[in-house]
Amino acid sequence: MAEILPLTRDPQDRLQAALRLLTIAQDEQREAVAAFRESLYELRDSTSRLQASVHGWQRQVFATGREVDAAREAVRKLQETAARM
């Protein structure tokens, strides 16, 4: 059977050690949460820039579509004019 070793420190010392470890863990958790929040802010900013870029691209595509439609109409009119000649 395994031998149980007696604890060499008194309960007050063990409690203080546990509280120190708890404080360290809380500090680490606080830092991790702060880093996570910072990442969320960066993600928000990146998605906002992406959204603005996509909207700009969309406007340009629509403008190009209107130009293509206008060019198509001009070609049609030229074809009609050429056919009458």
PDB file of N, CA and C in Angstrom:
ATOM      1  N   MET A   1       0.835  -1.167   0.000  1.00  0.00           N
ATOM      2  CA  MET A   1       0.000   0.000   0.000  1.00  0.00           C
ATOM      3  C   MET A   1       0.891   1.245   0.000  1.00  0.00           C
ATOM      4  N   ALA A   2       0.402   2.318  -0.615  1.00  0.00           N
ATOM      5  CA  ALA A   2       1.173   3.556  -0.715  1.00  0.00           C
ATOM      6  C   ALA A   2       1.236   4.254   0.629  1.00  0.00           C
ATOM      7  N   GLU A   3       2.376   4.831   0.875  1.00  0.00           N
ATOM      8  CA  GLU A   3       2.560   5.571   2.123  1.00  0.00           C
ATOM      9  C   GLU A   3       2.104   7.012   1.926  1.00  0.00           C
ATOM     10  N   ILE A   4       1.352   7.535   2.841  1.00  0.00           N
ATOM     11  CA  ILE A   4       0.887   8.915   2.788  1.00  0.00           C
ATOM     12  C   ILE A   4       1.901   9.775   3.512  1.00  0.00           C
ATOM     13  N   LEU A   5       2.409  10.764   2.787  1.00  0.00           N
ATOM     14  CA  LEU A   5       3.405  11.647   3.373  1.00  0.00           C
ATOM     15  C   LEU A   5       2.707  12.803   4.071  1.00  0.00           C
ATOM     16  N   PRO A   6       3.152  13.151   5.243  1.00  0.00           N
ATOM     17  CA  PRO A   6       2.525  14.276   5.948  1.00  0.00           C
ATOM     18  C   PRO A   6       2.904  15.608   5.286  1.00  0.00           C
ATOM     19  N   LEU A   7       1.998  16.557   5.329  1.00  0.00           N
ATOM     20  CA  LEU A   7       2.265  17.893   4.802  1.00  0.00           C
ATOM     21  C   LEU A   7       3.207  18.611   5.755  1.00  0.00           C
ATOM     22  N   THR A   8       4.194  19.250   5.197  1.00  0.00           N
ATOM     23  CA  THR A   8       5.197  19.895   6.048  1.00  0.00           C
ATOM     24  C   THR A   8       4.843  21.338   6.364  1.00  0.00           C
ATOM     25  N   ARG A   9       3.862  21.899   5.659  1.00  0.00           N
ATOM     26  CA  ARG A   9       3.496  23.289   5.909  1.00  0.00           C
ATOM     27  C   ARG A   9       2.192  23.338   6.690  1.00  0.00           C
ATOM     28  N   ASP A  10       2.036  24.404   7.423  1.00  0.00           N
ATOM     29  CA  ASP A  10       0.788  24.536   8.183  1.00  0.00           C
ATOM     30  C   ASP A  10      -0.323  25.028   7.254  1.00  0.00           C
ATOM     31  N   PRO A  11      -1.562  24.895   7.645  1.00  0.00           N
ATOM     32  CA  PRO A  11      -2.693  25.274   6.791  1.00  0.00           C
ATOM     33  C   PRO A  11      -2.655  26.738   6.352  1.00  0.00           C
ATOM     34  N   GLN A  12      -2.192  27.628   7.198  1.00  0.00           N
ATOM     35  CA  GLN A  12      -2.133  29.046   6.835  1.00  0.00           C
ATOM     36  C   GLN A  12      -1.174  29.271   5.664  1.00  0.00           C
ATOM     37  N   ASP A  13      -0.017  28.592   5.683  1.00  0.00           N
ATOM     38  CA  ASP A  13       0.937  28.704   4.578  1.00  0.00           C
ATOM     39  C   ASP A  13       0.341  28.157   3.285  1.00  0.00           C
ATOM     40  N   ARG A  14      -0.348  27.032   3.380  1.00  0.00           N
ATOM     41  CA  ARG A  14      -0.983  26.445   2.193  1.00  0.00           C
ATOM     42  C   ARG A  14      -2.048  27.388   1.639  1.00  0.00           C
ATOM     43  N   LEU A  15      -2.816  27.997   2.526  1.00  0.00           N
ATOM     44  CA  LEU A  15      -3.854  28.931   2.095  1.00  0.00           C
ATOM     45  C   LEU A  15      -3.228  30.133   1.391  1.00  0.00           C
ATOM     46  N   GLN A  16      -2.171  30.675   1.961  1.00  0.00           N
ATOM     47  CA  GLN A  16      -1.510  31.826   1.336  1.00  0.00           C
ATOM     48  C   GLN A  16      -0.934  31.464  -0.032  1.00  0.00           C
ATOM     49  N   ALA A  17      -0.360  30.280  -0.138  1.00  0.00           N
ATOM     50  CA  ALA A  17       0.186  29.830  -1.423  1.00  0.00           C
ATOM     51  C   ALA A  17      -0.938  29.675  -2.448  1.00  0.00           C
ATOM     52  N   ALA A  18      -2.039  29.100  -2.019  1.00  0.00           N
ATOM     53  CA  ALA A  18      -3.178  28.929  -2.925  1.00  0.00           C
ATOM     54  C   ALA A  18      -3.725  30.282  -3.371  1.00  0.00           C
ATOM     55  N   LEU A  19      -3.793  31.237  -2.464  1.00  0.00           N
ATOM     56  CA  LEU A  19      -4.285  32.571  -2.819  1.00  0.00           C
ATOM     57  C   LEU A  19      -3.340  33.274  -3.789  1.00  0.00           C
ATOM     58  N   ARG A  20      -2.034  33.086  -3.604  1.00  0.00           N
ATOM     59  CA  ARG A  20      -1.070  33.660  -4.550  1.00  0.00           C
ATOM     60  C   ARG A  20      -1.271  33.068  -5.947  1.00  0.00           C
ATOM     61  N   LEU A  21      -1.447  31.754  -5.994  1.00  0.00           N
ATOM     62  CA  LEU A  21      -1.670  31.101  -7.286  1.00  0.00           C
ATOM     63  C   LEU A  21      -2.983  31.569  -7.917  1.00  0.00           C
ATOM     64  N   LEU A  22      -3.995  31.758  -7.098  1.00  0.00           N
ATOM     65  CA  LEU A  22      -5.275  32.256  -7.601  1.00  0.00           C
ATOM     66  C   LEU A  22      -5.118  33.666  -8.168  1.00  0.00           C
ATOM     67  N   THR A  23      -4.372  34.503  -7.478  1.00  0.00           N
ATOM     68  CA  THR A  23      -4.135  35.868  -7.956  1.00  0.00           C
ATOM     69  C   THR A  23      -3.399  35.850  -9.292  1.00  0.00           C
ATOM     70  N   ILE A  24      -2.407  34.987  -9.406  1.00  0.00           N
ATOM     71  CA  ILE A  24      -1.663  34.857 -10.666  1.00  0.00           C
ATOM     72  C   ILE A  24      -2.598  34.405 -11.785  1.00  0.00           C
ATOM     73  N   ALA A  25      -3.438  33.414 -11.489  1.00  0.00           N
ATOM     74  CA  ALA A  25      -4.380  32.912 -12.496  1.00  0.00           C
ATOM     75  C   ALA A  25      -5.370  34.001 -12.911  1.00  0.00           C
ATOM     76  N   GLN A  26      -5.832  34.787 -11.959  1.00  0.00           N
ATOM     77  CA  GLN A  26      -6.763  35.872 -12.284  1.00  0.00           C
ATOM     78  C   GLN A  26      -6.088  36.927 -13.158  1.00  0.00           C
ATOM     79  N   ASP A  27      -4.840  37.249 -12.854  1.00  0.00           N
ATOM     80  CA  ASP A  27      -4.103  38.217 -13.673  1.00  0.00           C
ATOM     81  C   ASP A  27      -3.934  37.706 -15.104  1.00  0.00           C
ATOM     82  N   GLU A  28      -3.597  36.425 -15.233  1.00  0.00           N
ATOM     83  CA  GLU A  28      -3.432  35.833 -16.559  1.00  0.00           C
ATOM     84  C   GLU A  28      -4.757  35.847 -17.320  1.00  0.00           C
ATOM     85  N   GLN A  29      -5.832  35.530 -16.607  1.00  0.00           N
ATOM     86  CA  GLN A  29      -7.144  35.535 -17.247  1.00  0.00           C
ATOM     87  C   GLN A  29      -7.532  36.954 -17.670  1.00  0.00           C
ATOM     88  N   ARG A  30      -7.252  37.928 -16.841  1.00  0.00           N
ATOM     89  CA  ARG A  30      -7.548  39.325 -17.163  1.00  0.00           C
ATOM     90  C   ARG A  30      -6.792  39.745 -18.428  1.00  0.00           C
ATOM     91  N   GLU A  31      -5.522  39.369 -18.516  1.00  0.00           N
ATOM     92  CA  GLU A  31      -4.725  39.689 -19.702  1.00  0.00           C
ATOM     93  C   GLU A  31      -5.281  38.992 -20.940  1.00  0.00           C
ATOM     94  N   ALA A  32      -5.691  37.736 -20.776  1.00  0.00           N
ATOM     95  CA  ALA A  32      -6.240  36.987 -21.909  1.00  0.00           C
ATOM     96  C   ALA A  32      -7.547  37.609 -22.391  1.00  0.00           C
ATOM     97  N   VAL A  33      -8.393  38.023 -21.476  1.00  0.00           N
ATOM     98  CA  VAL A  33      -9.661  38.660 -21.852  1.00  0.00           C
ATOM     99  C   VAL A  33      -9.391  39.989 -22.551  1.00  0.00           C
ATOM    100  N   ALA A  34      -8.430  40.748 -22.057  1.00  0.00           N
ATOM    101  CA  ALA A  34      -8.083  42.025 -22.695  1.00  0.00           C
ATOM    102  C   ALA A  34      -7.560  41.787 -24.115  1.00  0.00           C
ATOM    103  N   ALA A  35      -6.731  40.777 -24.288  1.00  0.00           N
ATOM    104  CA  ALA A  35      -6.206  40.455 -25.620  1.00  0.00           C
ATOM    105  C   ALA A  35      -7.337  40.002 -26.546  1.00  0.00           C
ATOM    106  N   PHE A  36      -8.268  39.229 -26.012  1.00  0.00           N
ATOM    107  CA  PHE A  36      -9.413  38.773 -26.802  1.00  0.00           C
ATOM    108  C   PHE A  36     -10.264  39.959 -27.246  1.00  0.00           C
ATOM    109  N   ARG A  37     -10.511  40.882 -26.327  1.00  0.00           N
ATOM    110  CA  ARG A  37     -11.296  42.073 -26.677  1.00  0.00           C
ATOM    111  C   ARG A  37     -10.585  42.894 -27.748  1.00  0.00           C
ATOM    112  N   GLU A  38      -9.286  43.034 -27.617  1.00  0.00           N
ATOM    113  CA  GLU A  38      -8.517  43.775 -28.620  1.00  0.00           C
ATOM    114  C   GLU A  38      -8.635  43.094 -29.981  1.00  0.00           C
ATOM    115  N   SER A  39      -8.592  41.768 -29.985  1.00  0.00           N
ATOM    116  CA  SER A  39      -8.761  41.030 -31.240  1.00  0.00           C
ATOM    117  C   SER A  39     -10.144  41.277 -31.835  1.00  0.00           C
ATOM    118  N   LEU A  40     -11.155  41.335 -30.987  1.00  0.00           N
ATOM    119  CA  LEU A  40     -12.509  41.613 -31.476  1.00  0.00           C
ATOM    120  C   LEU A  40     -12.598  43.006 -32.084  1.00  0.00           C
ATOM    121  N   TYR A  41     -11.947  43.988 -31.451  1.00  0.00           N
ATOM    122  CA  TYR A  41     -11.938  45.348 -32.006  1.00  0.00           C
ATOM    123  C   TYR A  41     -11.241  45.365 -33.367  1.00  0.00           C
ATOM    124  N   GLU A  42     -10.126  44.659 -33.466  1.00  0.00           N
ATOM    125  CA  GLU A  42      -9.404  44.593 -34.738  1.00  0.00           C
ATOM    126  C   GLU A  42     -10.256  43.909 -35.805  1.00  0.00           C
ATOM    127  N   LEU A  43     -10.951  42.844 -35.415  1.00  0.00           N
ATOM    128  CA  LEU A  43     -11.830  42.146 -36.356  1.00  0.00           C
ATOM    129  C   LEU A  43     -12.953  43.064 -36.821  1.00  0.00           C
ATOM    130  N   ARG A  44     -13.541  43.822 -35.889  1.00  0.00           N
ATOM    131  CA  ARG A  44     -14.603  44.769 -36.243  1.00  0.00           C
ATOM    132  C   ARG A  44     -14.085  45.795 -37.248  1.00  0.00           C
ATOM    133  N   ASP A  45     -12.902  46.335 -36.984  1.00  0.00           N
ATOM    134  CA  ASP A  45     -12.330  47.333 -37.890  1.00  0.00           C
ATOM    135  C   ASP A  45     -12.042  46.734 -39.267  1.00  0.00           C
ATOM    136  N   SER A  46     -11.518  45.518 -39.276  1.00  0.00           N
ATOM    137  CA  SER A  46     -11.216  44.855 -40.550  1.00  0.00           C
ATOM    138  C   SER A  46     -12.486  44.588 -41.347  1.00  0.00           C
ATOM    139  N   THR A  47     -13.523  44.119 -40.678  1.00  0.00           N
ATOM    140  CA  THR A  47     -14.770  43.845 -41.393  1.00  0.00           C
ATOM    141  C   THR A  47     -15.422  45.136 -41.876  1.00  0.00           C
ATOM    142  N   SER A  48     -15.261  46.216 -41.135  1.00  0.00           N
ATOM    143  CA  SER A  48     -15.797  47.508 -41.591  1.00  0.00           C
ATOM    144  C   SER A  48     -15.077  47.967 -42.853  1.00  0.00           C
ATOM    145  N   ARG A  49     -13.754  47.818 -42.864  1.00  0.00           N
ATOM    146  CA  ARG A  49     -12.994  48.194 -44.062  1.00  0.00           C
ATOM    147  C   ARG A  49     -13.368  47.294 -45.241  1.00  0.00           C
ATOM    148  N   LEU A  50     -13.538  46.011 -44.971  1.00  0.00           N
ATOM    149  CA  LEU A  50     -13.935  45.084 -46.028  1.00  0.00           C
ATOM    150  C   LEU A  50     -15.308  45.455 -46.576  1.00  0.00           C
ATOM    151  N   GLN A  51     -16.231  45.786 -45.690  1.00  0.00           N
ATOM    152  CA  GLN A  51     -17.573  46.176 -46.124  1.00  0.00           C
ATOM    153  C   GLN A  51     -17.513  47.422 -47.005  1.00  0.00           C
ATOM    154  N   ALA A  52     -16.729  48.409 -46.601  1.00  0.00           N
ATOM    155  CA  ALA A  52     -16.591  49.626 -47.401  1.00  0.00           C
ATOM    156  C   ALA A  52     -15.984  49.306 -48.765  1.00  0.00           C
ATOM    157  N   SER A  53     -15.013  48.418 -48.782  1.00  0.00           N
ATOM    158  CA  SER A  53     -14.376  48.031 -50.034  1.00  0.00           C
ATOM    159  C   SER A  53     -15.369  47.316 -50.951  1.00  0.00           C
ATOM    160  N   VAL A  54     -16.151  46.411 -50.384  1.00  0.00           N
ATOM    161  CA  VAL A  54     -17.141  45.675 -51.174  1.00  0.00           C
ATOM    162  C   VAL A  54     -18.198  46.629 -51.723  1.00  0.00           C
ATOM    163  N   HIS A  55     -18.625  47.589 -50.910  1.00  0.00           N
ATOM    164  CA  HIS A  55     -19.614  48.562 -51.389  1.00  0.00           C
ATOM    165  C   HIS A  55     -19.036  49.392 -52.541  1.00  0.00           C
ATOM    166  N   GLY A  56     -17.775  49.789 -52.426  1.00  0.00           N
ATOM    167  CA  GLY A  56     -17.125  50.529 -53.504  1.00  0.00           C
ATOM    168  C   GLY A  56     -17.031  49.694 -54.768  1.00  0.00           C
ATOM    169  N   TRP A  57     -16.662  48.434 -54.612  1.00  0.00           N
ATOM    170  CA  TRP A  57     -16.576  47.526 -55.754  1.00  0.00           C
ATOM    171  C   TRP A  57     -17.951  47.359 -56.388  1.00  0.00           C
ATOM    172  N   GLN A  58     -18.982  47.222 -55.563  1.00  0.00           N
ATOM    173  CA  GLN A  58     -20.351  47.058 -56.052  1.00  0.00           C
ATOM    174  C   GLN A  58     -20.794  48.290 -56.856  1.00  0.00           C
ATOM    175  N   ARG A  59     -20.502  49.473 -56.332  1.00  0.00           N
ATOM    176  CA  ARG A  59     -20.843  50.703 -57.064  1.00  0.00           C
ATOM    177  C   ARG A  59     -20.127  50.746 -58.416  1.00  0.00           C
ATOM    178  N   GLN A  60     -18.862  50.344 -58.421  1.00  0.00           N
ATOM    179  CA  GLN A  60     -18.098  50.356 -59.667  1.00  0.00           C
ATOM    180  C   GLN A  60     -18.663  49.349 -60.663  1.00  0.00           C
ATOM    181  N   VAL A  61     -19.068  48.189 -60.186  1.00  0.00           N
ATOM    182  CA  VAL A  61     -19.663  47.180 -61.073  1.00  0.00           C
ATOM    183  C   VAL A  61     -20.962  47.710 -61.674  1.00  0.00           C
ATOM    184  N   PHE A  62     -21.802  48.334 -60.850  1.00  0.00           N
ATOM    185  CA  PHE A  62     -23.055  48.897 -61.361  1.00  0.00           C
ATOM    186  C   PHE A  62     -22.779  50.002 -62.388  1.00  0.00           C
ATOM    187  N   ALA A  63     -21.807  50.857 -62.100  1.00  0.00           N
ATOM    188  CA  ALA A  63     -21.458  51.933 -63.041  1.00  0.00           C
ATOM    189  C   ALA A  63     -20.949  51.344 -64.353  1.00  0.00           C
ATOM    190  N   THR A  64     -20.130  50.308 -64.268  1.00  0.00           N
ATOM    191  CA  THR A  64     -19.626  49.653 -65.474  1.00  0.00           C
ATOM    192  C   THR A  64     -20.776  49.026 -66.249  1.00  0.00           C
ATOM    193  N   GLY A  65     -21.727  48.447 -65.536  1.00  0.00           N
ATOM    194  CA  GLY A  65     -22.904  47.872 -66.195  1.00  0.00           C
ATOM    195  C   GLY A  65     -23.697  48.929 -66.947  1.00  0.00           C
ATOM    196  N   ARG A  66     -23.853  50.094 -66.345  1.00  0.00           N
ATOM    197  CA  ARG A  66     -24.562  51.185 -67.034  1.00  0.00           C
ATOM    198  C   ARG A  66     -23.790  51.628 -68.275  1.00  0.00           C
ATOM    199  N   GLU A  67     -22.470  51.707 -68.167  1.00  0.00           N
ATOM    200  CA  GLU A  67     -21.653  52.082 -69.325  1.00  0.00           C
ATOM    201  C   GLU A  67     -21.765  51.040 -70.437  1.00  0.00           C
ATOM    202  N   VAL A  68     -21.774  49.772 -70.064  1.00  0.00           N
ATOM    203  CA  VAL A  68     -21.920  48.700 -71.057  1.00  0.00           C
ATOM    204  C   VAL A  68     -23.286  48.803 -71.731  1.00  0.00           C
ATOM    205  N   ASP A  69     -24.334  49.048 -70.942  1.00  0.00           N
ATOM    206  CA  ASP A  69     -25.676  49.211 -71.519  1.00  0.00           C
ATOM    207  C   ASP A  69     -25.713  50.386 -72.486  1.00  0.00           C
ATOM    208  N   ALA A  70     -25.087  51.501 -72.108  1.00  0.00           N
ATOM    209  CA  ALA A  70     -25.053  52.676 -72.985  1.00  0.00           C
ATOM    210  C   ALA A  70     -24.278  52.368 -74.261  1.00  0.00           C
ATOM    211  N   ALA A  71     -23.167  51.663 -74.141  1.00  0.00           N
ATOM    212  CA  ALA A  71     -22.376  51.297 -75.321  1.00  0.00           C
ATOM    213  C   ALA A  71     -23.164  50.342 -76.212  1.00  0.00           C
ATOM    214  N   ARG A  72     -23.868  49.402 -75.611  1.00  0.00           N
ATOM    215  CA  ARG A  72     -24.684  48.458 -76.369  1.00  0.00           C
ATOM    216  C   ARG A  72     -25.772  49.211 -77.154  1.00  0.00           C
ATOM    217  N   GLU A  73     -26.397  50.175 -76.496  1.00  0.00           N
ATOM    218  CA  GLU A  73     -27.431  50.979 -77.159  1.00  0.00           C
ATOM    219  C   GLU A  73     -26.827  51.791 -78.303  1.00  0.00           C
ATOM    220  N   ALA A  74     -25.640  52.345 -78.100  1.00  0.00           N
ATOM    221  CA  ALA A  74     -24.976  53.105 -79.164  1.00  0.00           C
ATOM    222  C   ALA A  74     -24.658  52.202 -80.350  1.00  0.00           C
ATOM    223  N   VAL A  75     -24.196  50.995 -80.081  1.00  0.00           N
ATOM    224  CA  VAL A  75     -23.896  50.038 -81.153  1.00  0.00           C
ATOM    225  C   VAL A  75     -25.174  49.694 -81.908  1.00  0.00           C
ATOM    226  N   ARG A  76     -26.272  49.478 -81.183  1.00  0.00           N
ATOM    227  CA  ARG A  76     -27.542  49.143 -81.826  1.00  0.00           C
ATOM    228  C   ARG A  76     -27.980  50.270 -82.763  1.00  0.00           C
ATOM    229  N   LYS A  77     -27.862  51.509 -82.293  1.00  0.00           N
ATOM    230  CA  LYS A  77     -28.249  52.655 -83.122  1.00  0.00           C
ATOM    231  C   LYS A  77     -27.356  52.768 -84.352  1.00  0.00           C
ATOM    232  N   LEU A  78     -26.065  52.529 -84.166  1.00  0.00           N
ATOM    233  CA  LEU A  78     -25.150  52.568 -85.311  1.00  0.00           C
ATOM    234  C   LEU A  78     -25.491  51.471 -86.316  1.00  0.00           C
ATOM    235  N   GLN A  79     -25.845  50.288 -85.812  1.00  0.00           N
ATOM    236  CA  GLN A  79     -26.225  49.198 -86.710  1.00  0.00           C
ATOM    237  C   GLN A  79     -27.494  49.559 -87.490  1.00  0.00           C
ATOM    238  N   GLU A  80     -28.451  50.179 -86.812  1.00  0.00           N
ATOM    239  CA  GLU A  80     -29.680  50.600 -87.488  1.00  0.00           C
ATOM    240  C   GLU A  80     -29.372  51.647 -88.555  1.00  0.00           C
ATOM    241  N   THR A  81     -28.508  52.590 -88.194  1.00  0.00           N
ATOM    242  CA  THR A  81     -28.132  53.634 -89.151  1.00  0.00           C
ATOM    243  C   THR A  81     -27.419  53.021 -90.346  1.00  0.00           C
ATOM    244  N   ALA A  82     -26.508  52.080 -90.082  1.00  0.00           N
ATOM    245  CA  ALA A  82     -25.768  51.426 -91.165  1.00  0.00           C
ATOM    246  C   ALA A  82     -26.713  50.613 -92.038  1.00  0.00           C
ATOM    247  N   ALA A  83     -27.714  49.980 -91.445  1.00  0.00           N
ATOM    248  CA  ALA A  83     -28.650  49.164 -92.211  1.00  0.00           C
ATOM    249  C   ALA A  83     -29.501  50.030 -93.133  1.00  0.00           C
ATOM    250  N   ARG A  84     -29.792  51.261 -92.750  1.00  0.00           N
ATOM    251  CA  ARG A  84     -30.597  52.149 -93.587  1.00  0.00           C
ATOM    252  C   ARG A  84     -29.795  52.731 -94.743  1.00  0.00           C
ATOM    253  N   MET A  85     -28.502  52.704 -94.653  1.00  0.00           N
ATOM    254  CA  MET A  85     -27.671  53.316 -95.706  1.00  0.00           C
ATOM    255  C   MET A  85     -27.545  52.436 -96.890  1.00  0.00           C
TER     256      MET A  85
END
